[in-house]
């Protein structure tokens, strides 16, 4: 599995919106600045996420973007697949991006690639953005610890 720059940005956007889920709208310029994403590129990302039903947009001076689903209902796997396609390390073992190979029946690597695919999917399909919000908050708490004496 390889995550593109766009995929990385999308994951950051969904996490950013997950952190404020239920607390209001985030303006695109604020997300772009916080996540260091070019604003025009972020607008394209938002369009993709809106088309897939992950975000809602609100027009106007106080407009912006917000998650359309609870972060607990969105997995890393579905977002990775939306942007970067199958999570399989090679096409001959992919469920969604399958491409046949003349060596499949006698390939010594095929079982290993299937196991890699299954382990990746096990992780990304069980990890929700609610989990990532918790992880982010834990990391933030670690940074806030004051060790002065």
C-alpha atoms as a PDB file:
ATOM      1  CA  UNK A   1       0.000   0.000   0.000  1.00  0.00           C
ATOM      2  CA  UNK A   2       1.301   3.421  -0.905  1.00  0.00           C
ATOM      3  CA  UNK A   3      -0.391   6.608   0.211  1.00  0.00           C
ATOM      4  CA  UNK A   4       0.008   9.567  -2.139  1.00  0.00           C
ATOM      5  CA  UNK A   5       0.467  13.184  -1.073  1.00  0.00           C
ATOM      6  CA  UNK A   6      -3.209  13.706  -1.866  1.00  0.00           C
ATOM      7  CA  UNK A   7      -4.117  10.690   0.271  1.00  0.00           C
ATOM      8  CA  UNK A   8      -2.044  12.063   3.137  1.00  0.00           C
ATOM      9  CA  UNK A   9      -3.758  15.443   2.823  1.00  0.00           C
ATOM     10  CA  UNK A  10      -7.201  13.839   2.778  1.00  0.00           C
ATOM     11  CA  UNK A  11      -6.441  11.845   5.921  1.00  0.00           C
ATOM     12  CA  UNK A  12      -5.308  15.059   7.631  1.00  0.00           C
ATOM     13  CA  UNK A  13      -8.465  16.899   6.528  1.00  0.00           C
ATOM     14  CA  UNK A  14     -10.765  14.172   7.824  1.00  0.00           C
ATOM     15  CA  UNK A  15      -8.847  14.074  11.120  1.00  0.00           C
ATOM     16  CA  UNK A  16      -8.987  17.875  11.394  1.00  0.00           C
ATOM     17  CA  UNK A  17     -12.759  17.798  10.893  1.00  0.00           C
ATOM     18  CA  UNK A  18     -13.082  14.839  13.271  1.00  0.00           C
ATOM     19  CA  UNK A  19     -11.405  16.803  16.047  1.00  0.00           C
ATOM     20  CA  UNK A  20     -14.175  19.414  15.885  1.00  0.00           C
ATOM     21  CA  UNK A  21     -17.046  17.076  14.999  1.00  0.00           C
ATOM     22  CA  UNK A  22     -20.321  18.369  16.433  1.00  0.00           C
ATOM     23  CA  UNK A  23     -18.788  21.724  17.346  1.00  0.00           C
ATOM     24  CA  UNK A  24     -19.428  23.657  14.153  1.00  0.00           C
ATOM     25  CA  UNK A  25     -18.004  24.482  10.772  1.00  0.00           C
ATOM     26  CA  UNK A  26     -14.342  24.799   9.806  1.00  0.00           C
ATOM     27  CA  UNK A  27     -13.394  27.341   7.175  1.00  0.00           C
ATOM     28  CA  UNK A  28     -11.345  26.006   4.293  1.00  0.00           C
ATOM     29  CA  UNK A  29      -8.670  28.680   4.710  1.00  0.00           C
ATOM     30  CA  UNK A  30      -8.200  27.637   8.370  1.00  0.00           C
ATOM     31  CA  UNK A  31      -7.817  23.958   7.460  1.00  0.00           C
ATOM     32  CA  UNK A  32      -5.419  24.846   4.637  1.00  0.00           C
ATOM     33  CA  UNK A  33      -3.270  26.920   6.968  1.00  0.00           C
ATOM     34  CA  UNK A  34      -3.290  24.441   9.854  1.00  0.00           C
ATOM     35  CA  UNK A  35      -2.576  21.398   7.658  1.00  0.00           C
ATOM     36  CA  UNK A  36      -0.222  23.228   5.254  1.00  0.00           C
ATOM     37  CA  UNK A  37      -2.308  22.334   2.210  1.00  0.00           C
ATOM     38  CA  UNK A  38      -2.570  24.725  -0.753  1.00  0.00           C
ATOM     39  CA  UNK A  39      -6.086  26.198  -0.592  1.00  0.00           C
ATOM     40  CA  UNK A  40      -6.955  25.451  -4.244  1.00  0.00           C
ATOM     41  CA  UNK A  41      -5.867  21.828  -3.774  1.00  0.00           C
ATOM     42  CA  UNK A  42      -7.893  21.629  -0.557  1.00  0.00           C
ATOM     43  CA  UNK A  43     -10.966  22.836  -2.461  1.00  0.00           C
ATOM     44  CA  UNK A  44     -10.520  19.908  -4.889  1.00  0.00           C
ATOM     45  CA  UNK A  45     -10.173  17.521  -1.955  1.00  0.00           C
ATOM     46  CA  UNK A  46     -13.341  18.895  -0.355  1.00  0.00           C
ATOM     47  CA  UNK A  47     -15.201  18.419  -3.651  1.00  0.00           C
ATOM     48  CA  UNK A  48     -14.108  14.758  -3.763  1.00  0.00           C
ATOM     49  CA  UNK A  49     -15.076  14.174  -0.125  1.00  0.00           C
ATOM     50  CA  UNK A  50     -18.425  15.915  -0.618  1.00  0.00           C
ATOM     51  CA  UNK A  51     -19.176  13.788  -3.689  1.00  0.00           C
ATOM     52  CA  UNK A  52     -18.437  10.658  -1.661  1.00  0.00           C
ATOM     53  CA  UNK A  53     -20.690  11.807   1.193  1.00  0.00           C
ATOM     54  CA  UNK A  54     -18.022  12.378   3.830  1.00  0.00           C
ATOM     55  CA  UNK A  55     -18.377  16.138   4.200  1.00  0.00           C
ATOM     56  CA  UNK A  56     -21.011  18.837   3.882  1.00  0.00           C
ATOM     57  CA  UNK A  57     -20.296  22.380   2.811  1.00  0.00           C
ATOM     58  CA  UNK A  58     -22.007  25.599   3.848  1.00  0.00           C
ATOM     59  CA  UNK A  59     -21.838  28.664   1.618  1.00  0.00           C
ATOM     60  CA  UNK A  60     -21.471  32.256   2.714  1.00  0.00           C
ATOM     61  CA  UNK A  61     -19.215  34.439   4.798  1.00  0.00           C
ATOM     62  CA  UNK A  62     -19.584  32.114   7.761  1.00  0.00           C
ATOM     63  CA  UNK A  63     -19.534  29.046   5.532  1.00  0.00           C
ATOM     64  CA  UNK A  64     -17.125  26.211   5.490  1.00  0.00           C
ATOM     65  CA  UNK A  65     -17.003  22.457   5.773  1.00  0.00           C
ATOM     66  CA  UNK A  66     -17.977  19.822   8.331  1.00  0.00           C
ATOM     67  CA  UNK A  67     -18.101  16.052   8.508  1.00  0.00           C
ATOM     68  CA  UNK A  68     -21.298  14.469   7.247  1.00  0.00           C
ATOM     69  CA  UNK A  69     -20.693  11.304   9.297  1.00  0.00           C
ATOM     70  CA  UNK A  70     -19.594  10.561  12.817  1.00  0.00           C
ATOM     71  CA  UNK A  71     -15.806   9.921  12.974  1.00  0.00           C
ATOM     72  CA  UNK A  72     -16.567   6.539  14.563  1.00  0.00           C
ATOM     73  CA  UNK A  73     -18.271   5.540  11.302  1.00  0.00           C
ATOM     74  CA  UNK A  74     -15.348   6.426   9.011  1.00  0.00           C
ATOM     75  CA  UNK A  75     -12.389   4.068   8.705  1.00  0.00           C
ATOM     76  CA  UNK A  76      -8.924   4.819   7.445  1.00  0.00           C
ATOM     77  CA  UNK A  77      -9.365   2.025   4.903  1.00  0.00           C
ATOM     78  CA  UNK A  78     -12.363   3.544   3.172  1.00  0.00           C
ATOM     79  CA  UNK A  79     -10.647   6.923   2.848  1.00  0.00           C
ATOM     80  CA  UNK A  80      -7.384   5.403   1.574  1.00  0.00           C
ATOM     81  CA  UNK A  81      -9.297   3.368  -1.009  1.00  0.00           C
ATOM     82  CA  UNK A  82     -11.352   6.405  -2.062  1.00  0.00           C
ATOM     83  CA  UNK A  83      -8.250   8.436  -2.854  1.00  0.00           C
ATOM     84  CA  UNK A  84      -5.464   5.957  -3.606  1.00  0.00           C
ATOM     85  CA  UNK A  85      -7.305   2.813  -4.656  1.00  0.00           C
ATOM     86  CA  UNK A  86      -6.721  -0.746  -3.447  1.00  0.00           C
ATOM     87  CA  UNK A  87      -4.591  -1.430  -0.386  1.00  0.00           C
ATOM     88  CA  UNK A  88      -3.080  -4.603  -1.866  1.00  0.00           C
ATOM     89  CA  UNK A  89       0.682  -4.596  -2.455  1.00  0.00           C
ATOM     90  CA  UNK A  90       0.198  -6.067  -5.947  1.00  0.00           C
ATOM     91  CA  UNK A  91      -2.767  -6.208  -8.350  1.00  0.00           C
ATOM     92  CA  UNK A  92      -3.036 -10.010  -8.575  1.00  0.00           C
ATOM     93  CA  UNK A  93      -4.163 -10.223  -4.930  1.00  0.00           C
ATOM     94  CA  UNK A  94      -6.465  -7.204  -4.924  1.00  0.00           C
ATOM     95  CA  UNK A  95     -10.199  -7.662  -4.404  1.00  0.00           C
ATOM     96  CA  UNK A  96     -11.089  -4.340  -6.052  1.00  0.00           C
ATOM     97  CA  UNK A  97      -8.186  -3.709  -8.418  1.00  0.00           C
ATOM     98  CA  UNK A  98      -7.513  -7.268  -9.524  1.00  0.00           C
ATOM     99  CA  UNK A  99      -5.380  -7.845 -12.599  1.00  0.00           C
ATOM    100  CA  UNK A 100      -4.502 -11.372 -13.639  1.00  0.00           C
ATOM    101  CA  UNK A 101      -0.960 -12.621 -13.981  1.00  0.00           C
ATOM    102  CA  UNK A 102       0.331 -15.555 -16.009  1.00  0.00           C
ATOM    103  CA  UNK A 103       2.326 -16.749 -12.998  1.00  0.00           C
ATOM    104  CA  UNK A 104      -0.433 -16.704 -10.362  1.00  0.00           C
ATOM    105  CA  UNK A 105      -0.766 -20.464 -10.058  1.00  0.00           C
ATOM    106  CA  UNK A 106       2.960 -20.954  -9.556  1.00  0.00           C
ATOM    107  CA  UNK A 107       3.979 -17.732  -7.840  1.00  0.00           C
ATOM    108  CA  UNK A 108       5.959 -18.260  -4.645  1.00  0.00           C
ATOM    109  CA  UNK A 109       5.169 -14.688  -3.529  1.00  0.00           C
ATOM    110  CA  UNK A 110       1.382 -14.785  -3.921  1.00  0.00           C
ATOM    111  CA  UNK A 111       0.613 -16.175  -0.447  1.00  0.00           C
ATOM    112  CA  UNK A 112       2.898 -13.595   1.163  1.00  0.00           C
ATOM    113  CA  UNK A 113       1.240 -10.778  -0.792  1.00  0.00           C
ATOM    114  CA  UNK A 114      -2.186 -12.076   0.295  1.00  0.00           C
ATOM    115  CA  UNK A 115      -1.050 -12.080   3.919  1.00  0.00           C
ATOM    116  CA  UNK A 116       0.318  -8.527   3.593  1.00  0.00           C
ATOM    117  CA  UNK A 117      -2.997  -7.409   2.050  1.00  0.00           C
ATOM    118  CA  UNK A 118      -4.984  -9.051   4.830  1.00  0.00           C
ATOM    119  CA  UNK A 119      -2.883  -7.516   7.610  1.00  0.00           C
ATOM    120  CA  UNK A 120      -3.047  -4.043   6.065  1.00  0.00           C
ATOM    121  CA  UNK A 121      -6.808  -4.333   5.648  1.00  0.00           C
ATOM    122  CA  UNK A 122      -7.210  -5.648   9.182  1.00  0.00           C
ATOM    123  CA  UNK A 123      -5.546  -2.515  10.528  1.00  0.00           C
ATOM    124  CA  UNK A 124      -7.007   0.181   8.267  1.00  0.00           C
ATOM    125  CA  UNK A 125     -10.521  -1.264   8.268  1.00  0.00           C
ATOM    126  CA  UNK A 126     -10.675  -1.474  12.069  1.00  0.00           C
ATOM    127  CA  UNK A 127      -9.185   1.965  12.712  1.00  0.00           C
ATOM    128  CA  UNK A 128     -11.753   4.762  12.743  1.00  0.00           C
ATOM    129  CA  UNK A 129     -11.240   8.491  12.825  1.00  0.00           C
ATOM    130  CA  UNK A 130     -12.644   8.435  16.366  1.00  0.00           C
ATOM    131  CA  UNK A 131      -9.630   6.250  17.218  1.00  0.00           C
ATOM    132  CA  UNK A 132      -7.365   8.793  15.535  1.00  0.00           C
ATOM    133  CA  UNK A 133      -8.975  11.654  17.479  1.00  0.00           C
ATOM    134  CA  UNK A 134      -8.223   9.797  20.712  1.00  0.00           C
ATOM    135  CA  UNK A 135      -4.630   9.155  19.579  1.00  0.00           C
ATOM    136  CA  UNK A 136      -4.204  12.823  18.649  1.00  0.00           C
ATOM    137  CA  UNK A 137      -5.499  13.934  22.031  1.00  0.00           C
ATOM    138  CA  UNK A 138      -3.181  11.504  23.817  1.00  0.00           C
ATOM    139  CA  UNK A 139      -0.211  12.823  21.870  1.00  0.00           C
ATOM    140  CA  UNK A 140      -1.241  16.385  22.689  1.00  0.00           C
ATOM    141  CA  UNK A 141      -1.416  15.541  26.386  1.00  0.00           C
ATOM    142  CA  UNK A 142       2.100  14.109  26.277  1.00  0.00           C
ATOM    143  CA  UNK A 143       3.410  17.347  24.799  1.00  0.00           C
ATOM    144  CA  UNK A 144       1.623  19.344  27.504  1.00  0.00           C
ATOM    145  CA  UNK A 145       3.316  17.526  30.394  1.00  0.00           C
ATOM    146  CA  UNK A 146       5.584  19.881  32.306  1.00  0.00           C
ATOM    147  CA  UNK A 147       8.698  18.215  33.679  1.00  0.00           C
ATOM    148  CA  UNK A 148      10.160  21.253  35.428  1.00  0.00           C
ATOM    149  CA  UNK A 149      11.233  20.882  39.033  1.00  0.00           C
END
